[in-house]
C-alpha atoms as a PDB file:
ATOM      1  CA  MET A   1       6.939  -3.621  15.284  1.00  0.00           C
ATOM      2  CA  ASN A   2       8.805  -6.925  14.701  1.00  0.00           C
ATOM      3  CA  GLU A   3      10.544  -6.517  10.994  1.00  0.00           C
ATOM      4  CA  TRP A   4      11.101 -10.232  10.965  1.00  0.00           C
ATOM      5  CA  GLN A   5       7.616 -10.927  10.989  1.00  0.00           C
ATOM      6  CA  THR A   6       6.328 -12.928   8.465  1.00  0.00           C
ATOM      7  CA  TRP A   7       4.713 -11.556   5.688  1.00  0.00           C
ATOM      8  CA  GLU A   8       1.147 -12.514   6.831  1.00  0.00           C
ATOM      9  CA  GLN A   9       1.791 -11.494  10.354  1.00  0.00           C
ATOM     10  CA  ALA A  10       3.149  -8.063   9.260  1.00  0.00           C
ATOM     11  CA  SER A  11       0.838  -5.142   9.672  1.00  0.00           C
ATOM     12  CA  ILE A  12       0.059  -3.362   6.344  1.00  0.00           C
ATOM     13  CA  GLY A  13       2.465  -0.200   7.158  1.00  0.00           C
ATOM     14  CA  LEU A  14       5.605  -2.888   7.810  1.00  0.00           C
ATOM     15  CA  ARG A  15       4.303  -4.403   4.481  1.00  0.00           C
ATOM     16  CA  HIS A  16       4.979  -1.045   2.841  1.00  0.00           C
ATOM     17  CA  TYR A  17       8.127  -0.670   4.663  1.00  0.00           C
ATOM     18  CA  ARG A  18       9.419  -3.974   3.322  1.00  0.00           C
ATOM     19  CA  MET A  19       8.368  -3.530  -0.297  1.00  0.00           C
ATOM     20  CA  ARG A  20       9.855  -0.157  -0.339  1.00  0.00           C
ATOM     21  CA  LYS A  21      13.054  -1.503   0.600  1.00  0.00           C
ATOM     22  CA  LEU A  22      12.725  -4.205  -1.539  1.00  0.00           C
ATOM     23  CA  LEU A  23      11.899  -1.935  -4.461  1.00  0.00           C
ATOM     24  CA  GLY A  24      15.143   0.181  -3.645  1.00  0.00           C
ATOM     25  CA  SER A  25      15.984   3.034  -6.097  1.00  0.00           C
ATOM     26  CA  ASN A  26      13.007   2.173  -8.599  1.00  0.00           C
ATOM     27  CA  LYS A  27      10.821   5.012  -7.256  1.00  0.00           C
ATOM     28  CA  PRO A  28      10.399   7.468 -10.613  1.00  0.00           C
ATOM     29  CA  LEU A  29      11.098  11.151 -10.317  1.00  0.00           C
ATOM     30  CA  LYS A  30       7.627  11.433 -11.804  1.00  0.00           C
ATOM     31  CA  CYS A  31       4.164   9.962 -11.412  1.00  0.00           C
ATOM     32  CA  PRO A  32       4.157   7.021 -14.346  1.00  0.00           C
ATOM     33  CA  CYS A  33       0.173   8.027 -14.418  1.00  0.00           C
ATOM     34  CA  CYS A  34      -0.115  11.570 -15.102  1.00  0.00           C
ATOM     35  CA  GLY A  35       3.501  12.542 -15.684  1.00  0.00           C
ATOM     36  CA  MET A  36       3.633  15.564 -13.066  1.00  0.00           C
ATOM     37  CA  ILE A  37       6.836  15.679 -10.912  1.00  0.00           C
ATOM     38  CA  LYS A  38       5.262  15.232  -7.683  1.00  0.00           C
ATOM     39  CA  LYS A  39       5.802  13.460  -4.525  1.00  0.00           C
ATOM     40  CA  ILE A  40       5.683   9.845  -5.311  1.00  0.00           C
ATOM     41  CA  GLU A  41       3.701   7.184  -2.821  1.00  0.00           C
ATOM     42  CA  LEU A  42       4.003   3.472  -2.956  1.00  0.00           C
ATOM     43  CA  SER A  43       0.181   2.104  -3.779  1.00  0.00           C
ATOM     44  CA  ASN A  44      -0.695  -1.545  -3.689  1.00  0.00           C
ATOM     45  CA  LYS A  45      -2.765  -2.769  -6.710  1.00  0.00           C
ATOM     46  CA  SER A  46      -4.735  -5.247  -5.575  1.00  0.00           C
ATOM     47  CA  HIS A  47      -5.583  -4.319  -2.042  1.00  0.00           C
ATOM     48  CA  ASN A  48      -4.219  -7.537  -0.549  1.00  0.00           C
ATOM     49  CA  TYR A  49      -0.815  -6.248   0.300  1.00  0.00           C
ATOM     50  CA  LEU A  50       0.998  -8.996  -1.464  1.00  0.00           C
ATOM     51  CA  GLU A  51       4.516  -9.863  -1.262  1.00  0.00           C
ATOM     52  CA  ASP A  52       4.748  -9.709  -4.900  1.00  0.00           C
ATOM     53  CA  PRO A  53       6.544  -6.477  -6.406  1.00  0.00           C
ATOM     54  CA  SER A  54       4.283  -6.789  -9.495  1.00  0.00           C
ATOM     55  CA  ASP A  55       1.130  -6.347  -6.940  1.00  0.00           C
ATOM     56  CA  TRP A  56       2.655  -2.648  -6.221  1.00  0.00           C
ATOM     57  CA  GLN A  57       3.215   0.580  -8.247  1.00  0.00           C
ATOM     58  CA  TYR A  58       4.604   3.997  -7.621  1.00  0.00           C
ATOM     59  CA  LEU A  59       1.590   7.092  -7.918  1.00  0.00           C
ATOM     60  CA  CYS A  60       1.516  10.673  -7.092  1.00  0.00           C
ATOM     61  CA  HIS A  61      -0.903  11.207  -4.324  1.00  0.00           C
ATOM     62  CA  GLN A  62      -3.704  12.418  -6.440  1.00  0.00           C
ATOM     63  CA  CYS A  63      -3.333   9.477  -9.040  1.00  0.00           C
ATOM     64  CA  HIS A  64      -3.126   6.845  -5.968  1.00  0.00           C
ATOM     65  CA  SER A  65      -6.320   8.219  -4.364  1.00  0.00           C
ATOM     66  CA  ASP A  66      -7.858   8.226  -7.805  1.00  0.00           C
ATOM     67  CA  TYR A  67      -6.873   4.480  -8.582  1.00  0.00           C
ATOM     68  CA  ASP A  68      -8.022   3.844  -4.783  1.00  0.00           C
ATOM     69  CA  MET A  69     -11.592   5.289  -5.369  1.00  0.00           C
ATOM     70  CA  LYS A  70     -11.906   3.957  -9.007  1.00  0.00           C
ATOM     71  CA  ASN A  71     -11.290   0.296  -7.244  1.00  0.00           C
ATOM     72  CA  ASN A  72     -13.313   0.991  -4.567  1.00  0.00           C
ATOM     73  CA  SER A  73     -10.212  -0.047  -2.144  1.00  0.00           C
ATOM     74  CA  LYS A  74     -11.577   3.055   0.310  1.00  0.00           C
ATOM     75  CA  SER A  75     -14.063   0.924   1.457  1.00  0.00           C
ATOM     76  CA  THR A  76     -12.193  -2.530   1.509  1.00  0.00           C
ATOM     77  CA  PHE A  77      -9.598  -0.602   3.626  1.00  0.00           C
ATOM     78  CA  TYR A  78     -11.618   0.869   6.137  1.00  0.00           C
ATOM     79  CA  GLU A  79     -13.551  -2.444   6.549  1.00  0.00           C
ATOM     80  CA  LYS A  80     -10.349  -4.514   7.130  1.00  0.00           C
ATOM     81  CA  PHE A  81      -9.003  -1.852   9.357  1.00  0.00           C
ATOM     82  CA  ASN A  82     -12.450  -1.907  11.346  1.00  0.00           C
ATOM     83  CA  ASN A  83     -12.595  -5.495  11.821  1.00  0.00           C
ATOM     84  CA  LEU A  84      -8.596  -5.929  12.826  1.00  0.00           C
ATOM     85  CA  PHE A  85      -9.629  -3.039  15.333  1.00  0.00           C
ATOM     86  CA  LYS A  86     -12.393  -5.333  16.561  1.00  0.00           C
ATOM     87  CA  GLU A  87     -10.515  -8.223  16.734  1.00  0.00           C
ATOM     88  CA  LYS A  88      -7.740  -6.542  18.727  1.00  0.00           C
ATOM     89  CA  ASN A  89     -10.087  -4.937  20.975  1.00  0.00           C
ATOM     90  CA  GLY A  90     -12.228  -8.226  21.819  1.00  0.00           C
ATOM     91  CA  GLY A  91     -15.235  -6.651  19.816  1.00  0.00           C
END
């Protein structure tokens, strides 16, 4: 994985990594959604993984899952993943 790929060329994992570096120490100690002190994750709001800090948020795992389910991103994510898998494997 090349860290210096353009944003569009980067995998979703690399985009998360770059955004965590960009946001730096702005990670909250407690979930801004539920207020609980839990492990906090970086979540993408639009599910388009844009190179825009306002398109990202920190949430605990439960709120992240709830947000994704409410916004139907799980099916979108798996659809994107399956399409990428098919492209890479010639199918």
